[in-house]
Amino acid sequence: MNARRPGAPMPDSLRATLTTTVGHPARAIQCPHCRALPGKPCVLRTNGRALPEPHHTRVTAWEQSTA
């Protein structure tokens, strides 16, 4: 299988800024509720849909780790 080629020719630095989104700083740790890996968004355990905000337990765990 071939790697997917980018749709538009542009510098890698510009492409990186278009594809990355700044999320909550709590995404730096693993979610204790849904087990989402660091850097990944929290997901619903029933259907795997990504959530726009991290779970409250993830935010609490992040606060405790940075305090």
N, C-alpha and C. Protein backbone atom coordinates (compact mmCIF):
# COMPACT_ATOMS: atom_id res chain seq x y z
N MET A 1 0.84 -1.18 0.00
CA MET A 1 0.00 0.00 0.00
C MET A 1 0.89 1.24 0.00
N ASN A 2 0.55 2.19 -0.83
CA ASN A 2 1.33 3.42 -0.94
C ASN A 2 0.89 4.42 0.11
N ALA A 3 1.83 5.25 0.51
CA ALA A 3 1.51 6.32 1.46
C ALA A 3 0.64 7.36 0.76
N ARG A 4 -0.24 7.97 1.50
CA ARG A 4 -1.13 8.97 0.93
C ARG A 4 -0.34 10.22 0.59
N ARG A 5 -0.51 10.70 -0.62
CA ARG A 5 0.17 11.92 -1.05
C ARG A 5 -0.67 13.12 -0.65
N PRO A 6 -0.04 14.20 -0.26
CA PRO A 6 -0.79 15.41 0.10
C PRO A 6 -1.58 15.94 -1.09
N GLY A 7 -2.73 16.52 -0.81
CA GLY A 7 -3.58 17.02 -1.88
C GLY A 7 -3.07 18.30 -2.51
N ALA A 8 -2.43 19.16 -1.75
CA ALA A 8 -1.97 20.43 -2.28
C ALA A 8 -0.48 20.59 -1.99
N PRO A 9 0.29 21.09 -2.97
CA PRO A 9 1.71 21.31 -2.70
C PRO A 9 1.90 22.52 -1.79
N MET A 10 2.50 22.29 -0.65
CA MET A 10 2.78 23.39 0.28
C MET A 10 3.92 22.97 1.19
N PRO A 11 4.59 23.92 1.80
CA PRO A 11 5.70 23.59 2.71
C PRO A 11 5.20 22.77 3.90
N ASP A 12 6.08 21.89 4.39
CA ASP A 12 5.72 21.04 5.54
C ASP A 12 5.36 21.86 6.77
N SER A 13 6.04 23.00 6.97
CA SER A 13 5.75 23.82 8.15
C SER A 13 4.33 24.38 8.09
N LEU A 14 3.87 24.76 6.91
CA LEU A 14 2.51 25.27 6.76
C LEU A 14 1.50 24.15 6.93
N ARG A 15 1.79 22.99 6.36
CA ARG A 15 0.88 21.85 6.49
C ARG A 15 0.72 21.45 7.95
N ALA A 16 1.80 21.50 8.72
CA ALA A 16 1.74 21.13 10.13
C ALA A 16 0.82 22.06 10.91
N THR A 17 0.85 23.35 10.59
CA THR A 17 -0.01 24.28 11.33
C THR A 17 -1.47 24.12 10.94
N LEU A 18 -1.74 23.64 9.74
CA LEU A 18 -3.12 23.44 9.31
C LEU A 18 -3.72 22.18 9.90
N THR A 19 -2.90 21.16 10.13
CA THR A 19 -3.43 19.88 10.58
C THR A 19 -3.42 19.71 12.09
N THR A 20 -2.66 20.51 12.81
CA THR A 20 -2.64 20.38 14.27
C THR A 20 -3.63 21.35 14.89
N THR A 21 -4.23 20.90 15.96
CA THR A 21 -5.14 21.77 16.68
C THR A 21 -4.65 21.88 18.12
N VAL A 22 -4.79 23.03 18.66
CA VAL A 22 -4.38 23.24 20.05
C VAL A 22 -5.51 22.75 20.94
N GLY A 23 -5.20 21.80 21.77
CA GLY A 23 -6.20 21.24 22.65
C GLY A 23 -5.96 21.64 24.09
N HIS A 24 -6.74 21.09 24.95
CA HIS A 24 -6.62 21.34 26.38
C HIS A 24 -5.28 20.80 26.86
N PRO A 25 -4.61 21.50 27.77
CA PRO A 25 -3.32 21.00 28.26
C PRO A 25 -3.42 19.67 28.99
N ALA A 26 -4.63 19.27 29.39
CA ALA A 26 -4.80 17.98 30.05
C ALA A 26 -4.56 16.82 29.09
N ARG A 27 -4.53 17.10 27.79
CA ARG A 27 -4.24 16.04 26.82
C ARG A 27 -2.81 15.55 26.92
N ALA A 28 -2.00 16.17 27.75
CA ALA A 28 -0.61 15.75 27.89
C ALA A 28 -0.48 14.45 28.67
N ILE A 29 -1.55 14.02 29.34
CA ILE A 29 -1.50 12.77 30.11
C ILE A 29 -2.57 11.81 29.60
N GLN A 30 -2.45 10.54 29.98
CA GLN A 30 -3.44 9.54 29.59
C GLN A 30 -4.73 9.75 30.38
N CYS A 31 -5.87 9.54 29.73
CA CYS A 31 -7.15 9.71 30.40
C CYS A 31 -7.45 8.48 31.25
N PRO A 32 -7.70 8.66 32.54
CA PRO A 32 -8.03 7.52 33.38
C PRO A 32 -9.43 6.97 33.12
N HIS A 33 -10.29 7.74 32.46
CA HIS A 33 -11.66 7.29 32.21
C HIS A 33 -11.76 6.44 30.94
N CYS A 34 -11.28 6.99 29.81
CA CYS A 34 -11.43 6.28 28.53
C CYS A 34 -10.12 5.69 28.03
N ARG A 35 -9.02 5.90 28.74
CA ARG A 35 -7.70 5.39 28.40
C ARG A 35 -7.14 5.98 27.10
N ALA A 36 -7.57 7.20 26.76
CA ALA A 36 -7.02 7.88 25.58
C ALA A 36 -5.55 8.19 25.84
N LEU A 37 -4.71 7.95 24.86
CA LEU A 37 -3.29 8.17 25.00
C LEU A 37 -2.96 9.66 25.07
N PRO A 38 -1.80 9.99 25.64
CA PRO A 38 -1.41 11.40 25.69
C PRO A 38 -1.36 12.01 24.29
N GLY A 39 -1.91 13.20 24.17
CA GLY A 39 -1.95 13.88 22.89
C GLY A 39 -3.18 13.58 22.06
N LYS A 40 -3.94 12.56 22.44
CA LYS A 40 -5.14 12.18 21.70
C LYS A 40 -6.37 12.67 22.45
N PRO A 41 -7.46 12.95 21.72
CA PRO A 41 -8.68 13.41 22.40
C PRO A 41 -9.37 12.28 23.14
N CYS A 42 -10.13 12.63 24.15
CA CYS A 42 -10.95 11.64 24.86
C CYS A 42 -12.03 11.13 23.91
N VAL A 43 -12.45 9.89 24.15
CA VAL A 43 -13.47 9.27 23.29
C VAL A 43 -14.58 8.70 24.16
N LEU A 44 -15.74 8.54 23.55
CA LEU A 44 -16.84 7.86 24.22
C LEU A 44 -16.55 6.37 24.19
N ARG A 45 -16.69 5.71 25.33
CA ARG A 45 -16.38 4.29 25.39
C ARG A 45 -17.40 3.44 24.66
N THR A 46 -18.61 3.95 24.47
CA THR A 46 -19.65 3.16 23.81
C THR A 46 -19.47 3.08 22.31
N ASN A 47 -19.09 4.19 21.67
CA ASN A 47 -18.98 4.16 20.20
C ASN A 47 -17.66 4.70 19.67
N GLY A 48 -16.76 5.15 20.53
CA GLY A 48 -15.45 5.59 20.09
C GLY A 48 -15.40 6.98 19.48
N ARG A 49 -16.48 7.74 19.59
CA ARG A 49 -16.50 9.10 19.02
C ARG A 49 -15.61 10.02 19.85
N ALA A 50 -14.81 10.84 19.17
CA ALA A 50 -13.91 11.77 19.85
C ALA A 50 -14.71 12.91 20.46
N LEU A 51 -14.31 13.31 21.66
CA LEU A 51 -14.98 14.41 22.36
C LEU A 51 -14.21 15.71 22.15
N PRO A 52 -14.91 16.83 22.08
CA PRO A 52 -14.21 18.11 21.89
C PRO A 52 -13.44 18.56 23.13
N GLU A 53 -13.88 18.15 24.30
CA GLU A 53 -13.22 18.51 25.56
C GLU A 53 -12.82 17.22 26.29
N PRO A 54 -11.75 17.27 27.09
CA PRO A 54 -11.35 16.07 27.84
C PRO A 54 -12.33 15.76 28.97
N HIS A 55 -12.32 14.49 29.39
CA HIS A 55 -13.15 14.08 30.53
C HIS A 55 -12.71 14.84 31.78
N HIS A 56 -13.66 15.00 32.70
CA HIS A 56 -13.37 15.72 33.94
C HIS A 56 -12.28 15.00 34.74
N THR A 57 -12.28 13.67 34.72
CA THR A 57 -11.25 12.93 35.46
C THR A 57 -9.86 13.17 34.88
N ARG A 58 -9.78 13.37 33.57
CA ARG A 58 -8.49 13.66 32.94
C ARG A 58 -7.99 15.04 33.36
N VAL A 59 -8.90 16.00 33.38
CA VAL A 59 -8.53 17.36 33.80
C VAL A 59 -8.08 17.35 35.25
N THR A 60 -8.80 16.62 36.10
CA THR A 60 -8.45 16.53 37.52
C THR A 60 -7.09 15.87 37.70
N ALA A 61 -6.84 14.79 36.96
CA ALA A 61 -5.54 14.11 37.06
C ALA A 61 -4.41 15.01 36.58
N TRP A 62 -4.66 15.78 35.53
CA TRP A 62 -3.65 16.72 35.03
C TRP A 62 -3.37 17.81 36.07
N GLU A 63 -4.44 18.33 36.70
CA GLU A 63 -4.26 19.36 37.72
C GLU A 63 -3.44 18.84 38.88
N GLN A 64 -3.70 17.61 39.30
CA GLN A 64 -2.96 17.04 40.42
C GLN A 64 -1.50 16.78 40.05
N SER A 65 -1.26 16.41 38.78
CA SER A 65 0.12 16.13 38.38
C SER A 65 0.94 17.40 38.22
N THR A 66 0.28 18.52 37.92
CA THR A 66 1.01 19.78 37.75
C THR A 66 1.07 20.61 39.02
N ALA A 67 0.29 20.24 40.02
CA ALA A 67 0.26 21.02 41.27
C ALA A 67 1.49 20.74 42.12
